[in-house]
Amino acid sequence: MSARPRSADVGPDGRVAASRAVTDLALGLGACELARRSARPPAASGSWRAALWCTGASALVGAVHHAARTDDPRAAHIRWRIIGVLLSVAMGLMLIASVRQTLGRRAGRLAVAPAIVGPVAYAGSAVRGGGGLPTLVAVQSGTMAGIVLTWVVGVRRGHPAAPTAILAICLGIGAAMLRAVTPRSWARFGVDADAVYHLAQIPGLVALARAARTG
């Protein structure tokens, strides 16, 4: 999920902003539906479901952010910080859920402390007037590394969910790479890298939700 201040959302006729809003809406609704279905047997853990709900909520706020036809920088700042907090919490929950699923409940409890570092660090930066995308990436890099390492251990231990979780991680990386190589010229048609990235994240979330309900 990606968002920028209002000034970066203005295309020649608003089509870029509209495409970002629509694709973020699709991502948010998709994540929320995955969260809802994850409660069905075989149900995912509460941490997994909460992570998916937070992911969906962040994308829905992103849709509002892109659709807002206002030049108020304060409002844009607040919306983006809400998105950042939700994504930080989602990542922390994914770390807890991953550790608990692969290594057991005791290890899951030990993962709580490192999982809250990202959200607290991001919130602190946001309160001080920071909290942009580079900050979000920086504070969550350790959490993401922990998730990847956890599932690598899961692969070595033969956990049945590990292959699907690794696939989900690879799809997420692929979505980021696709965002990086999306031609800027597409913006003239109302589609830019952020819109492509929103949609490209959905397959990874589907795989992640499947892994959450396995084993």
Protein backbone atom coordinates (compact mmCIF):
# COMPACT_ATOMS: atom_id res chain seq x y z
CA MET A 1 0.00 0.00 0.00
CA SER A 2 1.30 3.39 -0.93
CA ALA A 3 0.25 6.93 -0.37
CA ARG A 4 1.74 10.37 -0.82
CA PRO A 5 0.68 13.90 0.04
CA ARG A 6 -2.08 15.44 -2.06
CA SER A 7 0.32 17.29 -4.40
CA ALA A 8 1.65 13.98 -5.76
CA ASP A 9 -1.84 12.72 -6.50
CA VAL A 10 -2.77 15.31 -9.13
CA GLY A 11 -2.64 14.04 -12.70
CA PRO A 12 -3.44 16.11 -15.80
CA ASP A 13 -7.15 15.68 -15.14
CA GLY A 14 -7.25 13.81 -11.86
CA ARG A 15 -7.23 10.38 -13.50
CA VAL A 16 -4.07 9.29 -11.70
CA ALA A 17 -5.58 10.18 -8.33
CA ALA A 18 -8.76 8.33 -9.29
CA SER A 19 -6.89 5.19 -10.34
CA ARG A 20 -4.92 5.20 -7.09
CA ALA A 21 -8.13 5.56 -5.11
CA VAL A 22 -9.94 2.79 -6.99
CA THR A 23 -7.03 0.34 -6.81
CA ASP A 24 -6.46 1.08 -3.12
CA LEU A 25 -10.17 0.45 -2.57
CA ALA A 26 -9.87 -2.91 -4.34
CA LEU A 27 -6.83 -3.79 -2.22
CA GLY A 28 -8.59 -2.77 0.99
CA LEU A 29 -11.80 -4.65 0.27
CA GLY A 30 -9.80 -7.70 -0.80
CA ALA A 31 -7.75 -7.71 2.41
CA CYS A 32 -10.87 -7.29 4.55
CA GLU A 33 -12.58 -10.16 2.74
CA LEU A 34 -9.52 -12.36 3.33
CA ALA A 35 -9.64 -11.41 7.01
CA ARG A 36 -13.32 -12.32 7.19
CA ARG A 37 -12.80 -15.67 5.48
CA SER A 38 -9.81 -16.44 7.68
CA ALA A 39 -12.20 -16.84 10.61
CA ARG A 40 -13.77 -19.88 8.93
CA PRO A 41 -12.44 -23.38 9.69
CA PRO A 42 -9.59 -24.04 9.41
CA ALA A 43 -9.35 -20.64 11.03
CA ALA A 44 -6.25 -18.50 11.11
CA SER A 45 -5.04 -17.23 14.47
CA GLY A 46 -6.37 -14.01 15.91
CA SER A 47 -3.05 -12.31 15.17
CA TRP A 48 -3.26 -13.23 11.49
CA ARG A 49 -6.84 -12.03 11.22
CA ALA A 50 -6.02 -8.75 12.96
CA ALA A 51 -3.04 -8.24 10.64
CA LEU A 52 -5.26 -8.67 7.59
CA TRP A 53 -7.89 -6.33 9.01
CA CYS A 54 -5.24 -3.67 9.66
CA THR A 55 -3.87 -4.12 6.14
CA GLY A 56 -7.35 -3.71 4.69
CA ALA A 57 -8.08 -0.67 6.85
CA SER A 58 -4.85 1.02 5.79
CA ALA A 59 -5.70 0.54 2.12
CA LEU A 60 -9.23 1.89 2.63
CA VAL A 61 -7.83 4.99 4.34
CA GLY A 62 -5.45 5.21 1.38
CA ALA A 63 -8.40 5.18 -0.99
CA VAL A 64 -9.94 8.10 0.90
CA HIS A 65 -6.57 9.85 0.88
CA HIS A 66 -6.22 9.63 -2.89
CA ALA A 67 -9.86 10.50 -3.55
CA ALA A 68 -9.90 13.57 -1.31
CA ARG A 69 -10.21 16.68 -3.45
CA THR A 70 -8.56 19.06 -1.02
CA ASP A 71 -5.28 20.87 -0.89
CA ASP A 72 -5.20 20.93 2.92
CA PRO A 73 -1.70 19.62 3.74
CA ARG A 74 -2.62 19.02 7.38
CA ALA A 75 -5.46 16.67 6.43
CA ALA A 76 -3.19 14.79 3.99
CA HIS A 77 -0.51 14.56 6.68
CA ILE A 78 -2.97 13.07 9.19
CA ARG A 79 -4.36 10.54 6.70
CA TRP A 80 -0.92 9.30 5.72
CA ARG A 81 0.15 8.95 9.36
CA ILE A 82 -2.97 6.88 10.07
CA ILE A 83 -2.03 4.66 7.13
CA GLY A 84 1.53 4.34 8.46
CA VAL A 85 0.40 3.37 11.95
CA LEU A 86 -2.01 0.75 10.59
CA LEU A 87 0.68 -0.76 8.37
CA SER A 88 3.17 -0.78 11.23
CA VAL A 89 0.71 -2.59 13.48
CA ALA A 90 -0.12 -5.05 10.69
CA MET A 91 3.56 -5.91 10.22
CA GLY A 92 4.06 -6.39 13.94
CA LEU A 93 1.06 -8.72 14.11
CA MET A 94 2.37 -10.68 11.13
CA LEU A 95 5.67 -11.20 12.95
CA ILE A 96 3.91 -12.45 16.09
CA ALA A 97 1.61 -14.70 14.06
CA SER A 98 4.47 -16.11 11.98
CA VAL A 99 6.63 -16.92 15.00
CA ARG A 100 3.74 -18.44 16.88
CA GLN A 101 2.68 -20.56 13.91
CA THR A 102 6.14 -21.91 13.14
CA LEU A 103 7.87 -21.98 16.52
CA GLY A 104 5.04 -22.25 19.05
CA ARG A 105 3.17 -20.15 21.58
CA ARG A 106 6.12 -19.45 23.87
CA ALA A 107 8.22 -18.10 21.01
CA GLY A 108 5.20 -16.10 19.89
CA ARG A 109 5.08 -14.37 23.27
CA LEU A 110 8.77 -13.55 23.00
CA ALA A 111 8.11 -11.96 19.59
CA VAL A 112 5.73 -9.40 21.06
CA ALA A 113 8.51 -7.07 22.25
CA PRO A 114 10.32 -6.75 18.89
CA ALA A 115 6.97 -6.57 17.09
CA ILE A 116 5.93 -3.39 18.91
CA VAL A 117 9.20 -1.59 18.17
CA GLY A 118 8.13 -0.62 14.65
CA PRO A 119 4.72 0.85 15.53
CA VAL A 120 6.13 2.75 18.51
CA ALA A 121 9.05 4.11 16.49
CA TYR A 122 6.78 5.17 13.64
CA ALA A 123 4.24 6.78 15.97
CA GLY A 124 7.02 8.68 17.69
CA SER A 125 8.29 9.98 14.38
CA ALA A 126 4.78 10.96 13.29
CA VAL A 127 4.17 12.91 16.52
CA ARG A 128 7.38 14.86 15.88
CA GLY A 129 6.17 15.78 12.39
CA GLY A 130 7.90 13.00 10.46
CA GLY A 131 6.48 9.63 9.53
CA GLY A 132 6.86 9.68 5.76
CA LEU A 133 7.28 6.64 3.55
CA PRO A 134 11.07 6.39 4.08
CA THR A 135 10.50 6.37 7.84
CA LEU A 136 7.89 3.63 7.55
CA VAL A 137 10.21 1.47 5.46
CA ALA A 138 13.11 2.05 7.85
CA VAL A 139 11.25 1.21 11.06
CA GLN A 140 9.66 -1.89 9.54
CA SER A 141 12.76 -3.32 7.88
CA GLY A 142 13.69 -5.27 10.99
CA THR A 143 10.16 -6.61 11.36
CA MET A 144 10.09 -7.76 7.74
CA ALA A 145 13.48 -9.41 8.11
CA GLY A 146 12.17 -11.24 11.17
CA ILE A 147 9.15 -12.51 9.26
CA VAL A 148 11.30 -13.77 6.39
CA LEU A 149 13.74 -15.45 8.77
CA THR A 150 10.91 -17.10 10.66
CA TRP A 151 9.51 -18.68 7.53
CA VAL A 152 12.94 -19.75 6.34
CA VAL A 153 13.23 -21.63 9.63
CA GLY A 154 9.75 -22.99 8.94
CA VAL A 155 10.93 -24.35 5.60
CA ARG A 156 13.91 -26.06 7.25
CA ARG A 157 11.59 -27.62 9.82
CA GLY A 158 9.14 -28.79 7.17
CA HIS A 159 6.21 -26.66 8.33
CA PRO A 160 3.31 -27.22 5.90
CA ALA A 161 2.53 -23.50 5.65
CA ALA A 162 6.12 -22.43 4.96
CA PRO A 163 6.18 -22.90 1.14
CA THR A 164 3.01 -20.84 0.73
CA ALA A 165 4.30 -18.16 3.11
CA ILE A 166 7.57 -17.93 1.20
CA LEU A 167 5.56 -17.65 -2.03
CA ALA A 168 3.58 -14.80 -0.47
CA ILE A 169 6.80 -13.01 0.46
CA CYS A 170 8.19 -13.47 -3.05
CA LEU A 171 4.96 -12.13 -4.55
CA GLY A 172 5.23 -9.09 -2.30
CA ILE A 173 8.78 -8.48 -3.45
CA GLY A 174 7.64 -8.94 -7.03
CA ALA A 175 4.91 -6.34 -6.53
CA ALA A 176 7.49 -3.84 -5.28
CA MET A 177 9.73 -4.58 -8.26
CA LEU A 178 6.79 -4.15 -10.63
CA ARG A 179 6.10 -0.77 -9.06
CA ALA A 180 9.71 0.23 -9.66
CA VAL A 181 9.65 -0.65 -13.36
CA THR A 182 6.20 0.69 -14.25
CA PRO A 183 6.73 3.27 -17.03
CA ARG A 184 6.00 6.84 -16.02
CA SER A 185 4.40 7.35 -19.39
CA TRP A 186 1.43 5.27 -18.21
CA ALA A 187 0.34 8.26 -16.11
CA ARG A 188 -1.00 9.92 -19.24
CA PHE A 189 -3.59 7.14 -19.38
CA GLY A 190 -4.48 7.60 -15.72
CA VAL A 191 -2.42 4.67 -14.40
CA ASP A 192 0.82 5.05 -12.51
CA ALA A 193 3.21 2.89 -10.48
CA ASP A 194 1.22 3.24 -7.24
CA ALA A 195 -1.98 2.02 -8.87
CA VAL A 196 -0.15 -0.95 -10.36
CA TYR A 197 1.44 -1.69 -6.98
CA HIS A 198 -1.91 -1.69 -5.20
CA LEU A 199 -3.28 -4.40 -7.47
CA ALA A 200 -0.02 -6.35 -7.56
CA GLN A 201 -0.13 -6.79 -3.79
CA ILE A 202 -3.39 -8.75 -3.86
CA PRO A 203 -1.97 -12.15 -4.99
CA GLY A 204 0.61 -12.01 -2.20
CA LEU A 205 -2.10 -11.31 0.37
CA VAL A 206 -4.15 -14.23 -0.94
CA ALA A 207 -1.16 -16.55 -0.54
CA LEU A 208 -0.43 -15.15 2.92
CA ALA A 209 -4.01 -15.71 4.05
CA ARG A 210 -3.80 -19.28 2.78
CA ALA A 211 -0.57 -19.86 4.68
CA ALA A 212 -2.18 -18.45 7.82
CA ARG A 213 -4.84 -21.17 7.68
CA THR A 214 -2.40 -24.04 7.02
CA GLY A 215 -0.98 -26.26 9.70
